């Protein structure tokens, strides 16, 4: 028996511990938005968020789900979805749920990614090769996000040491 949270709702399932999350979602919970692509974690069509991190669900066994938070494309609500449509990213559409999950995770961590950041992060494969549209959509979505808060350095005294506030 494994207990976890899926899209904000508690789940309790009796599945073999080696069952990949992909099949838990599709076969046991009827969540078919997460797609089977390659089954070996290379294509990214099955990407979901596992405790806030993008993860290939075909490679994540049910035994690892205990106490976790899983978000699938069915629950994604992110500015990247609108940009995807505006930039006509989907062609065949097969990889899109995984692409969107990966792009949303990127923008959640880096709201102003460079082309190099996008290329390094977006390792999902697209059979239709819409990579330039994907990049454009990510930049467009990023432009709608609020400016990130600048990091404020800890106050230094004249000797270059911290002021000691908050220390015991």
N, C-alpha and C. Protein backbone atom coordinates (compact mmCIF):
# COMPACT_ATOMS: atom_id res chain seq x y z
N UNK A 1 0.85 -1.18 0.00
CA UNK A 1 0.00 0.00 0.00
C UNK A 1 0.90 1.24 0.00
N UNK A 2 0.64 2.15 -0.92
CA UNK A 2 1.42 3.39 -0.98
C UNK A 2 0.46 4.56 -0.87
N UNK A 3 0.87 5.56 -0.07
CA UNK A 3 0.07 6.76 0.12
C UNK A 3 0.88 7.96 -0.35
N UNK A 4 0.25 8.80 -1.17
CA UNK A 4 0.89 10.01 -1.68
C UNK A 4 -0.21 10.99 -2.06
N UNK A 5 0.20 12.20 -2.44
CA UNK A 5 -0.74 13.23 -2.85
C UNK A 5 -0.58 13.45 -4.34
N UNK A 6 -1.69 13.38 -5.06
CA UNK A 6 -1.71 13.59 -6.50
C UNK A 6 -2.59 14.78 -6.82
N UNK A 7 -1.99 15.81 -7.39
CA UNK A 7 -2.72 17.02 -7.76
C UNK A 7 -3.57 17.55 -6.61
N UNK A 8 -3.00 17.49 -5.39
CA UNK A 8 -3.65 18.03 -4.21
C UNK A 8 -4.60 17.10 -3.50
N UNK A 9 -4.78 15.89 -4.01
CA UNK A 9 -5.70 14.94 -3.39
C UNK A 9 -4.95 13.70 -2.90
N UNK A 10 -5.28 13.28 -1.67
CA UNK A 10 -4.64 12.10 -1.08
C UNK A 10 -5.00 10.85 -1.87
N UNK A 11 -4.02 10.00 -2.07
CA UNK A 11 -4.20 8.73 -2.77
C UNK A 11 -3.66 7.61 -1.90
N UNK A 12 -4.33 6.47 -1.95
CA UNK A 12 -3.89 5.28 -1.23
C UNK A 12 -4.13 4.11 -2.17
N UNK A 13 -3.04 3.52 -2.67
CA UNK A 13 -3.15 2.47 -3.67
C UNK A 13 -2.37 1.23 -3.26
N UNK A 14 -2.90 0.10 -3.66
CA UNK A 14 -2.22 -1.17 -3.47
C UNK A 14 -1.70 -1.61 -4.84
N UNK A 15 -0.45 -1.26 -5.12
CA UNK A 15 0.19 -1.61 -6.38
C UNK A 15 1.54 -2.24 -6.07
N UNK A 16 2.04 -3.09 -6.96
CA UNK A 16 3.38 -3.65 -6.73
C UNK A 16 4.40 -2.51 -6.61
N UNK A 17 5.36 -2.64 -5.70
CA UNK A 17 6.32 -1.56 -5.46
C UNK A 17 7.18 -1.18 -6.65
N UNK A 18 7.33 -2.08 -7.61
CA UNK A 18 8.16 -1.77 -8.78
C UNK A 18 7.35 -1.19 -9.95
N UNK A 19 6.05 -0.97 -9.75
CA UNK A 19 5.22 -0.38 -10.81
C UNK A 19 5.65 1.06 -11.04
N UNK A 20 6.00 1.42 -12.25
CA UNK A 20 6.39 2.82 -12.51
C UNK A 20 5.21 3.77 -12.29
N UNK A 21 5.51 4.96 -11.79
CA UNK A 21 4.48 5.97 -11.57
C UNK A 21 3.65 6.20 -12.82
N UNK A 22 4.26 6.19 -13.98
CA UNK A 22 3.53 6.37 -15.23
C UNK A 22 2.32 5.44 -15.31
N UNK A 23 2.52 4.16 -14.97
CA UNK A 23 1.44 3.19 -15.06
C UNK A 23 0.48 3.30 -13.89
N UNK A 24 0.98 3.75 -12.74
CA UNK A 24 0.08 4.04 -11.62
C UNK A 24 -0.90 5.12 -12.06
N UNK A 25 -0.37 6.18 -12.68
CA UNK A 25 -1.22 7.28 -13.13
C UNK A 25 -2.21 6.83 -14.20
N UNK A 26 -1.71 6.21 -15.23
CA UNK A 26 -2.55 5.88 -16.39
C UNK A 26 -3.49 4.70 -16.11
N UNK A 27 -2.95 3.59 -15.59
CA UNK A 27 -3.75 2.38 -15.45
C UNK A 27 -4.57 2.31 -14.17
N UNK A 28 -4.06 2.86 -13.09
CA UNK A 28 -4.75 2.73 -11.81
C UNK A 28 -5.58 3.96 -11.46
N UNK A 29 -5.19 5.13 -11.98
CA UNK A 29 -5.90 6.36 -11.62
C UNK A 29 -6.59 7.04 -12.80
N UNK A 30 -6.43 6.50 -13.99
CA UNK A 30 -7.10 7.05 -15.17
C UNK A 30 -6.61 8.43 -15.60
N UNK A 31 -5.39 8.79 -15.20
CA UNK A 31 -4.80 10.08 -15.54
C UNK A 31 -3.96 9.89 -16.81
N UNK A 32 -4.56 10.13 -17.96
CA UNK A 32 -3.90 9.81 -19.23
C UNK A 32 -3.18 10.99 -19.87
N UNK A 33 -3.12 12.13 -19.20
CA UNK A 33 -2.39 13.27 -19.75
C UNK A 33 -0.89 13.03 -19.77
N UNK A 34 -0.39 12.24 -18.85
CA UNK A 34 1.02 11.88 -18.82
C UNK A 34 1.21 10.76 -19.82
N UNK A 35 2.10 10.96 -20.78
CA UNK A 35 2.22 10.05 -21.91
C UNK A 35 3.37 9.07 -21.77
N UNK A 36 3.18 7.90 -22.35
CA UNK A 36 4.26 6.94 -22.49
C UNK A 36 4.99 7.28 -23.78
N UNK A 37 6.30 7.43 -23.70
CA UNK A 37 7.09 7.71 -24.90
C UNK A 37 8.05 6.58 -25.18
N UNK A 38 9.09 6.50 -24.37
CA UNK A 38 10.14 5.52 -24.63
C UNK A 38 10.23 4.44 -23.56
N UNK A 39 9.82 4.77 -22.34
CA UNK A 39 9.89 3.80 -21.25
C UNK A 39 11.25 3.68 -20.59
N UNK A 40 12.23 4.46 -21.06
CA UNK A 40 13.58 4.37 -20.48
C UNK A 40 14.08 5.73 -19.96
N UNK A 41 13.18 6.68 -19.83
CA UNK A 41 13.54 7.97 -19.24
C UNK A 41 14.29 8.92 -20.15
N UNK A 42 14.30 8.66 -21.44
CA UNK A 42 15.07 9.49 -22.36
C UNK A 42 14.25 10.59 -23.03
N UNK A 43 12.99 10.32 -23.36
CA UNK A 43 12.24 11.27 -24.19
C UNK A 43 11.54 12.37 -23.40
N UNK A 44 11.12 12.10 -22.18
CA UNK A 44 10.49 13.12 -21.36
C UNK A 44 8.99 13.28 -21.54
N UNK A 45 8.36 12.48 -22.40
CA UNK A 45 6.92 12.59 -22.61
C UNK A 45 6.15 12.33 -21.31
N UNK A 46 6.74 11.59 -20.40
CA UNK A 46 6.08 11.21 -19.15
C UNK A 46 6.44 12.12 -17.97
N UNK A 47 7.00 13.29 -18.23
CA UNK A 47 7.45 14.18 -17.15
C UNK A 47 6.29 14.65 -16.29
N UNK A 48 6.47 14.54 -14.98
CA UNK A 48 5.55 15.06 -13.97
C UNK A 48 6.41 15.83 -12.95
N UNK A 49 5.76 16.48 -12.01
CA UNK A 49 6.50 17.10 -10.91
C UNK A 49 6.39 16.18 -9.69
N UNK A 50 7.54 15.78 -9.18
CA UNK A 50 7.65 14.91 -8.01
C UNK A 50 8.28 15.75 -6.91
N UNK A 51 7.48 16.08 -5.89
CA UNK A 51 7.94 16.98 -4.83
C UNK A 51 8.53 18.26 -5.41
N UNK A 52 7.88 18.77 -6.44
CA UNK A 52 8.28 20.04 -7.05
C UNK A 52 9.37 19.95 -8.09
N UNK A 53 9.91 18.78 -8.32
CA UNK A 53 11.00 18.60 -9.29
C UNK A 53 10.47 17.85 -10.51
N UNK A 54 10.90 18.25 -11.71
CA UNK A 54 10.48 17.48 -12.88
C UNK A 54 11.13 16.09 -12.83
N UNK A 55 10.32 15.09 -13.15
CA UNK A 55 10.79 13.71 -13.04
C UNK A 55 10.16 12.89 -14.15
N UNK A 56 10.93 11.98 -14.71
CA UNK A 56 10.41 11.05 -15.71
C UNK A 56 9.64 9.96 -14.97
N UNK A 57 8.33 9.95 -15.12
CA UNK A 57 7.49 9.04 -14.33
C UNK A 57 7.66 7.58 -14.73
N UNK A 58 8.20 7.31 -15.91
CA UNK A 58 8.43 5.91 -16.31
C UNK A 58 9.57 5.29 -15.51
N UNK A 59 10.37 6.13 -14.86
CA UNK A 59 11.53 5.64 -14.12
C UNK A 59 11.35 5.69 -12.60
N UNK A 60 10.18 6.13 -12.14
CA UNK A 60 9.94 6.31 -10.71
C UNK A 60 9.03 5.19 -10.19
N UNK A 61 9.57 4.25 -9.38
CA UNK A 61 8.75 3.14 -8.91
C UNK A 61 7.76 3.57 -7.83
N UNK A 62 6.67 2.86 -7.74
CA UNK A 62 5.64 3.15 -6.75
C UNK A 62 6.21 3.18 -5.33
N UNK A 63 7.22 2.37 -5.07
CA UNK A 63 7.83 2.33 -3.74
C UNK A 63 8.39 3.69 -3.33
N UNK A 64 8.76 4.54 -4.29
CA UNK A 64 9.33 5.86 -4.00
C UNK A 64 8.27 6.93 -3.77
N UNK A 65 7.00 6.58 -3.94
CA UNK A 65 5.94 7.58 -3.86
C UNK A 65 5.49 7.91 -2.45
N UNK A 66 5.77 7.07 -1.48
CA UNK A 66 5.25 7.24 -0.12
C UNK A 66 5.49 8.65 0.40
N UNK A 67 4.41 9.33 0.74
CA UNK A 67 4.48 10.67 1.33
C UNK A 67 4.80 11.78 0.34
N UNK A 68 4.89 11.47 -0.93
CA UNK A 68 5.30 12.47 -1.92
C UNK A 68 4.13 13.29 -2.45
N UNK A 69 4.49 14.39 -3.11
CA UNK A 69 3.54 15.27 -3.79
C UNK A 69 3.79 15.13 -5.28
N UNK A 70 2.79 14.70 -6.03
CA UNK A 70 2.90 14.52 -7.47
C UNK A 70 1.95 15.52 -8.14
N UNK A 71 2.45 16.22 -9.15
CA UNK A 71 1.60 17.09 -9.96
C UNK A 71 1.72 16.63 -11.41
N UNK A 72 0.58 16.46 -12.06
CA UNK A 72 0.55 16.05 -13.45
C UNK A 72 0.03 17.20 -14.31
N UNK A 73 0.07 17.01 -15.60
CA UNK A 73 -0.40 18.03 -16.55
C UNK A 73 -1.85 18.41 -16.27
N UNK A 74 -2.66 17.47 -15.77
CA UNK A 74 -4.06 17.76 -15.49
C UNK A 74 -4.24 18.87 -14.47
N UNK A 75 -3.25 19.08 -13.60
CA UNK A 75 -3.36 20.10 -12.57
C UNK A 75 -2.45 21.31 -12.82
N UNK A 76 -1.70 21.28 -13.90
CA UNK A 76 -0.79 22.39 -14.17
C UNK A 76 -1.58 23.66 -14.49
N UNK A 77 -1.24 24.72 -13.82
CA UNK A 77 -1.82 26.03 -14.09
C UNK A 77 -0.65 26.99 -14.11
N UNK A 78 -0.16 27.29 -15.29
CA UNK A 78 1.08 28.05 -15.41
C UNK A 78 1.03 28.93 -16.65
N UNK A 79 1.70 30.07 -16.60
CA UNK A 79 1.70 31.01 -17.73
C UNK A 79 2.29 30.39 -18.99
N UNK A 80 3.08 29.37 -18.84
CA UNK A 80 3.71 28.75 -20.01
C UNK A 80 2.66 28.11 -20.93
N UNK A 81 1.53 27.69 -20.40
CA UNK A 81 0.51 27.05 -21.23
C UNK A 81 -0.07 28.02 -22.27
N UNK A 82 -0.36 29.23 -21.86
CA UNK A 82 -0.88 30.22 -22.80
C UNK A 82 0.17 30.58 -23.85
N UNK A 83 1.42 30.72 -23.43
CA UNK A 83 2.51 31.03 -24.37
C UNK A 83 2.67 29.90 -25.38
N UNK A 84 2.47 28.67 -24.94
CA UNK A 84 2.58 27.51 -25.82
C UNK A 84 1.60 27.64 -26.99
N UNK A 85 0.38 28.05 -26.66
CA UNK A 85 -0.64 28.21 -27.70
C UNK A 85 -0.35 29.40 -28.59
N UNK A 86 0.04 30.52 -27.97
CA UNK A 86 0.32 31.73 -28.74
C UNK A 86 1.46 31.53 -29.73
N UNK A 87 2.41 30.71 -29.38
CA UNK A 87 3.58 30.47 -30.25
C UNK A 87 3.43 29.20 -31.08
N UNK A 88 2.24 28.64 -31.06
CA UNK A 88 1.91 27.46 -31.86
C UNK A 88 2.96 26.35 -31.72
N UNK A 89 3.30 26.05 -30.48
CA UNK A 89 4.29 25.02 -30.22
C UNK A 89 3.80 23.63 -30.61
N UNK A 90 2.59 23.24 -30.21
CA UNK A 90 2.19 21.85 -30.50
C UNK A 90 2.05 21.58 -31.99
N UNK A 91 2.57 20.48 -32.42
CA UNK A 91 2.36 19.98 -33.77
C UNK A 91 1.56 18.69 -33.61
N UNK A 92 2.23 17.56 -33.46
CA UNK A 92 1.48 16.32 -33.23
C UNK A 92 0.92 16.31 -31.81
N UNK A 93 1.59 17.01 -30.90
CA UNK A 93 1.11 17.15 -29.53
C UNK A 93 1.53 16.05 -28.58
N UNK A 94 2.14 15.00 -29.07
CA UNK A 94 2.42 13.85 -28.22
C UNK A 94 3.31 14.19 -27.03
N UNK A 95 4.33 14.98 -27.24
CA UNK A 95 5.30 15.28 -26.18
C UNK A 95 4.89 16.47 -25.32
N UNK A 96 3.81 17.14 -25.66
CA UNK A 96 3.53 18.44 -25.08
C UNK A 96 3.29 18.43 -23.57
N UNK A 97 2.63 17.42 -23.02
CA UNK A 97 2.42 17.44 -21.57
C UNK A 97 3.76 17.39 -20.84
N UNK A 98 4.68 16.57 -21.32
CA UNK A 98 6.01 16.51 -20.70
C UNK A 98 6.80 17.79 -20.92
N UNK A 99 6.70 18.36 -22.11
CA UNK A 99 7.39 19.62 -22.41
C UNK A 99 6.87 20.73 -21.49
N UNK A 100 5.57 20.82 -21.35
CA UNK A 100 4.97 21.86 -20.49
C UNK A 100 5.39 21.69 -19.03
N UNK A 101 5.41 20.45 -18.55
CA UNK A 101 5.81 20.21 -17.16
C UNK A 101 7.27 20.62 -16.95
N UNK A 102 8.12 20.31 -17.91
CA UNK A 102 9.54 20.69 -17.80
C UNK A 102 9.71 22.20 -17.88
N UNK A 103 9.00 22.85 -18.80
CA UNK A 103 9.11 24.30 -18.96
C UNK A 103 8.60 25.04 -17.72
N UNK A 104 7.50 24.57 -17.15
CA UNK A 104 6.97 25.19 -15.94
C UNK A 104 7.97 25.08 -14.79
N UNK A 105 8.59 23.91 -14.66
CA UNK A 105 9.59 23.72 -13.60
C UNK A 105 10.79 24.65 -13.82
N UNK A 106 11.20 24.81 -15.07
CA UNK A 106 12.31 25.74 -15.37
C UNK A 106 11.96 27.15 -14.93
N UNK A 107 10.79 27.64 -15.33
CA UNK A 107 10.42 29.03 -15.00
C UNK A 107 10.17 29.21 -13.50
N UNK A 108 9.76 28.17 -12.81
CA UNK A 108 9.60 28.26 -11.36
C UNK A 108 10.95 28.44 -10.67
N UNK A 109 12.00 27.90 -11.26
CA UNK A 109 13.34 28.01 -10.68
C UNK A 109 14.14 29.17 -11.24
N UNK A 110 13.88 29.50 -12.49
CA UNK A 110 14.65 30.54 -13.17
C UNK A 110 13.69 31.37 -14.03
N UNK A 111 13.12 32.43 -13.44
CA UNK A 111 12.11 33.19 -14.18
C UNK A 111 12.65 34.02 -15.35
N UNK A 112 13.95 34.07 -15.52
CA UNK A 112 14.55 34.80 -16.64
C UNK A 112 15.64 33.96 -17.30
N UNK A 113 15.27 32.81 -17.87
CA UNK A 113 16.29 31.93 -18.45
C UNK A 113 16.86 32.48 -19.76
N UNK A 114 18.12 32.23 -19.97
CA UNK A 114 18.77 32.55 -21.25
C UNK A 114 18.50 31.40 -22.22
N UNK A 115 18.87 31.58 -23.47
CA UNK A 115 18.74 30.49 -24.44
C UNK A 115 19.55 29.28 -23.97
N UNK A 116 20.74 29.53 -23.45
CA UNK A 116 21.57 28.42 -22.96
C UNK A 116 20.91 27.70 -21.78
N UNK A 117 20.28 28.48 -20.88
CA UNK A 117 19.57 27.87 -19.75
C UNK A 117 18.44 26.96 -20.25
N UNK A 118 17.68 27.47 -21.22
CA UNK A 118 16.57 26.70 -21.78
C UNK A 118 17.09 25.43 -22.44
N UNK A 119 18.13 25.57 -23.26
CA UNK A 119 18.68 24.42 -23.96
C UNK A 119 19.20 23.36 -22.99
N UNK A 120 19.81 23.80 -21.90
CA UNK A 120 20.35 22.86 -20.92
C UNK A 120 19.23 22.17 -20.13
N UNK A 121 18.17 22.91 -19.82
CA UNK A 121 17.09 22.38 -18.98
C UNK A 121 16.12 21.50 -19.76
N UNK A 122 15.76 21.92 -20.96
CA UNK A 122 14.72 21.26 -21.74
C UNK A 122 15.31 20.06 -22.50
N UNK A 123 15.43 18.95 -21.81
CA UNK A 123 16.02 17.76 -22.41
C UNK A 123 14.97 16.83 -23.00
N UNK A 124 13.71 17.23 -22.95
CA UNK A 124 12.63 16.43 -23.53
C UNK A 124 12.76 16.44 -25.05
N UNK A 125 12.43 15.31 -25.66
CA UNK A 125 12.50 15.20 -27.11
C UNK A 125 11.15 15.58 -27.74
N UNK A 126 11.23 16.20 -28.91
CA UNK A 126 10.05 16.57 -29.68
C UNK A 126 10.19 15.96 -31.06
N UNK A 127 9.30 15.04 -31.38
CA UNK A 127 9.35 14.36 -32.68
C UNK A 127 9.18 15.34 -33.84
N UNK A 128 8.47 16.43 -33.60
CA UNK A 128 8.19 17.41 -34.65
C UNK A 128 9.24 18.52 -34.71
N UNK A 129 10.21 18.47 -33.80
CA UNK A 129 11.33 19.42 -33.78
C UNK A 129 10.90 20.87 -33.65
N UNK A 130 9.98 21.14 -32.74
CA UNK A 130 9.53 22.53 -32.53
C UNK A 130 10.37 23.24 -31.47
N UNK A 131 11.63 22.91 -31.40
CA UNK A 131 12.50 23.44 -30.35
C UNK A 131 12.59 24.96 -30.36
N UNK A 132 12.63 25.58 -31.52
CA UNK A 132 12.69 27.05 -31.57
C UNK A 132 11.39 27.66 -31.04
N UNK A 133 10.27 27.05 -31.34
CA UNK A 133 8.99 27.53 -30.81
C UNK A 133 8.92 27.33 -29.31
N UNK A 134 9.44 26.21 -28.85
CA UNK A 134 9.47 25.95 -27.40
C UNK A 134 10.27 27.04 -26.71
N UNK A 135 11.44 27.34 -27.24
CA UNK A 135 12.29 28.37 -26.66
C UNK A 135 11.57 29.73 -26.68
N UNK A 136 10.95 30.08 -27.78
CA UNK A 136 10.22 31.35 -27.89
C UNK A 136 9.07 31.41 -26.89
N UNK A 137 8.35 30.33 -26.74
CA UNK A 137 7.23 30.30 -25.79
C UNK A 137 7.73 30.45 -24.36
N UNK A 138 8.84 29.84 -24.04
CA UNK A 138 9.39 29.97 -22.68
C UNK A 138 9.80 31.41 -22.42
N UNK A 139 10.45 32.04 -23.39
CA UNK A 139 10.81 33.46 -23.22
C UNK A 139 9.56 34.33 -23.08
N UNK A 140 8.53 34.06 -23.86
CA UNK A 140 7.29 34.84 -23.78
C UNK A 140 6.62 34.66 -22.42
N UNK A 141 6.59 33.44 -21.94
CA UNK A 141 6.01 33.18 -20.61
C UNK A 141 6.83 33.89 -19.54
N UNK A 142 8.14 33.84 -19.66
CA UNK A 142 9.02 34.50 -18.67
C UNK A 142 8.76 36.01 -18.63
N UNK A 143 8.48 36.59 -19.79
CA UNK A 143 8.24 38.04 -19.86
C UNK A 143 6.98 38.45 -19.11
N UNK A 144 6.06 37.51 -18.88
CA UNK A 144 4.83 37.83 -18.15
C UNK A 144 4.99 37.66 -16.64
N UNK A 145 6.08 37.07 -16.21
CA UNK A 145 6.30 36.84 -14.78
C UNK A 145 6.82 38.11 -14.12
N UNK A 146 6.50 38.31 -12.84
CA UNK A 146 7.05 39.48 -12.14
C UNK A 146 8.56 39.38 -12.03
N UNK A 147 9.19 40.54 -11.96
CA UNK A 147 10.65 40.57 -11.79
C UNK A 147 11.01 39.85 -10.50
N UNK A 148 12.06 39.02 -10.55
CA UNK A 148 12.49 38.33 -9.33
C UNK A 148 13.03 39.33 -8.32
N UNK A 149 12.82 39.00 -7.06
CA UNK A 149 13.34 39.84 -5.97
C UNK A 149 14.86 39.76 -5.97
N UNK A 150 15.54 40.92 -5.91
CA UNK A 150 17.01 40.86 -5.85
C UNK A 150 17.46 40.31 -4.50
N UNK A 151 18.55 39.58 -4.53
CA UNK A 151 19.10 39.08 -3.28
C UNK A 151 19.75 40.23 -2.54
N UNK A 152 19.42 40.36 -1.27
CA UNK A 152 19.97 41.44 -0.45
C UNK A 152 21.11 40.86 0.37
N UNK A 153 22.32 41.39 0.18
CA UNK A 153 23.45 40.85 0.96
C UNK A 153 23.29 41.22 2.43
N UNK A 154 23.82 40.36 3.27
CA UNK A 154 23.80 40.63 4.70
C UNK A 154 24.67 41.86 4.96
N UNK A 155 24.21 42.72 5.87
CA UNK A 155 24.95 43.95 6.18
C UNK A 155 26.34 43.62 6.72
N UNK A 156 27.33 44.34 6.23
CA UNK A 156 28.70 44.16 6.69
C UNK A 156 29.12 45.38 7.49
N UNK A 157 29.93 45.15 8.51
CA UNK A 157 30.46 46.30 9.25
C UNK A 157 31.72 46.81 8.53
N UNK A 158 32.38 47.82 9.08
CA UNK A 158 33.55 48.41 8.44
C UNK A 158 34.69 47.42 8.24
N UNK A 159 34.75 46.38 9.05
CA UNK A 159 35.83 45.40 8.94
C UNK A 159 35.48 44.29 7.94
N UNK A 160 34.31 44.40 7.33
CA UNK A 160 33.91 43.39 6.36
C UNK A 160 33.30 42.16 7.01
N UNK A 161 32.93 42.27 8.28
CA UNK A 161 32.30 41.15 8.97
C UNK A 161 30.81 41.43 9.10
N UNK A 162 30.04 40.36 9.27
CA UNK A 162 28.60 40.55 9.45
C UNK A 162 28.36 41.27 10.76
N UNK A 163 27.18 41.91 10.84
CA UNK A 163 26.87 42.70 12.02
C UNK A 163 26.50 41.83 13.23
N UNK A 164 26.35 40.52 13.00
CA UNK A 164 26.09 39.64 14.11
C UNK A 164 24.63 39.50 14.48
N UNK A 165 23.76 40.29 13.83
CA UNK A 165 22.33 40.17 14.14
C UNK A 165 21.86 38.78 13.79
N UNK A 166 21.02 38.24 14.64
CA UNK A 166 20.48 36.91 14.41
C UNK A 166 21.40 35.80 14.90
N UNK A 167 22.60 36.13 15.32
CA UNK A 167 23.51 35.10 15.85
C UNK A 167 23.32 35.01 17.35
N UNK A 168 23.55 33.82 17.86
CA UNK A 168 23.41 33.62 19.31
C UNK A 168 24.75 33.68 19.98
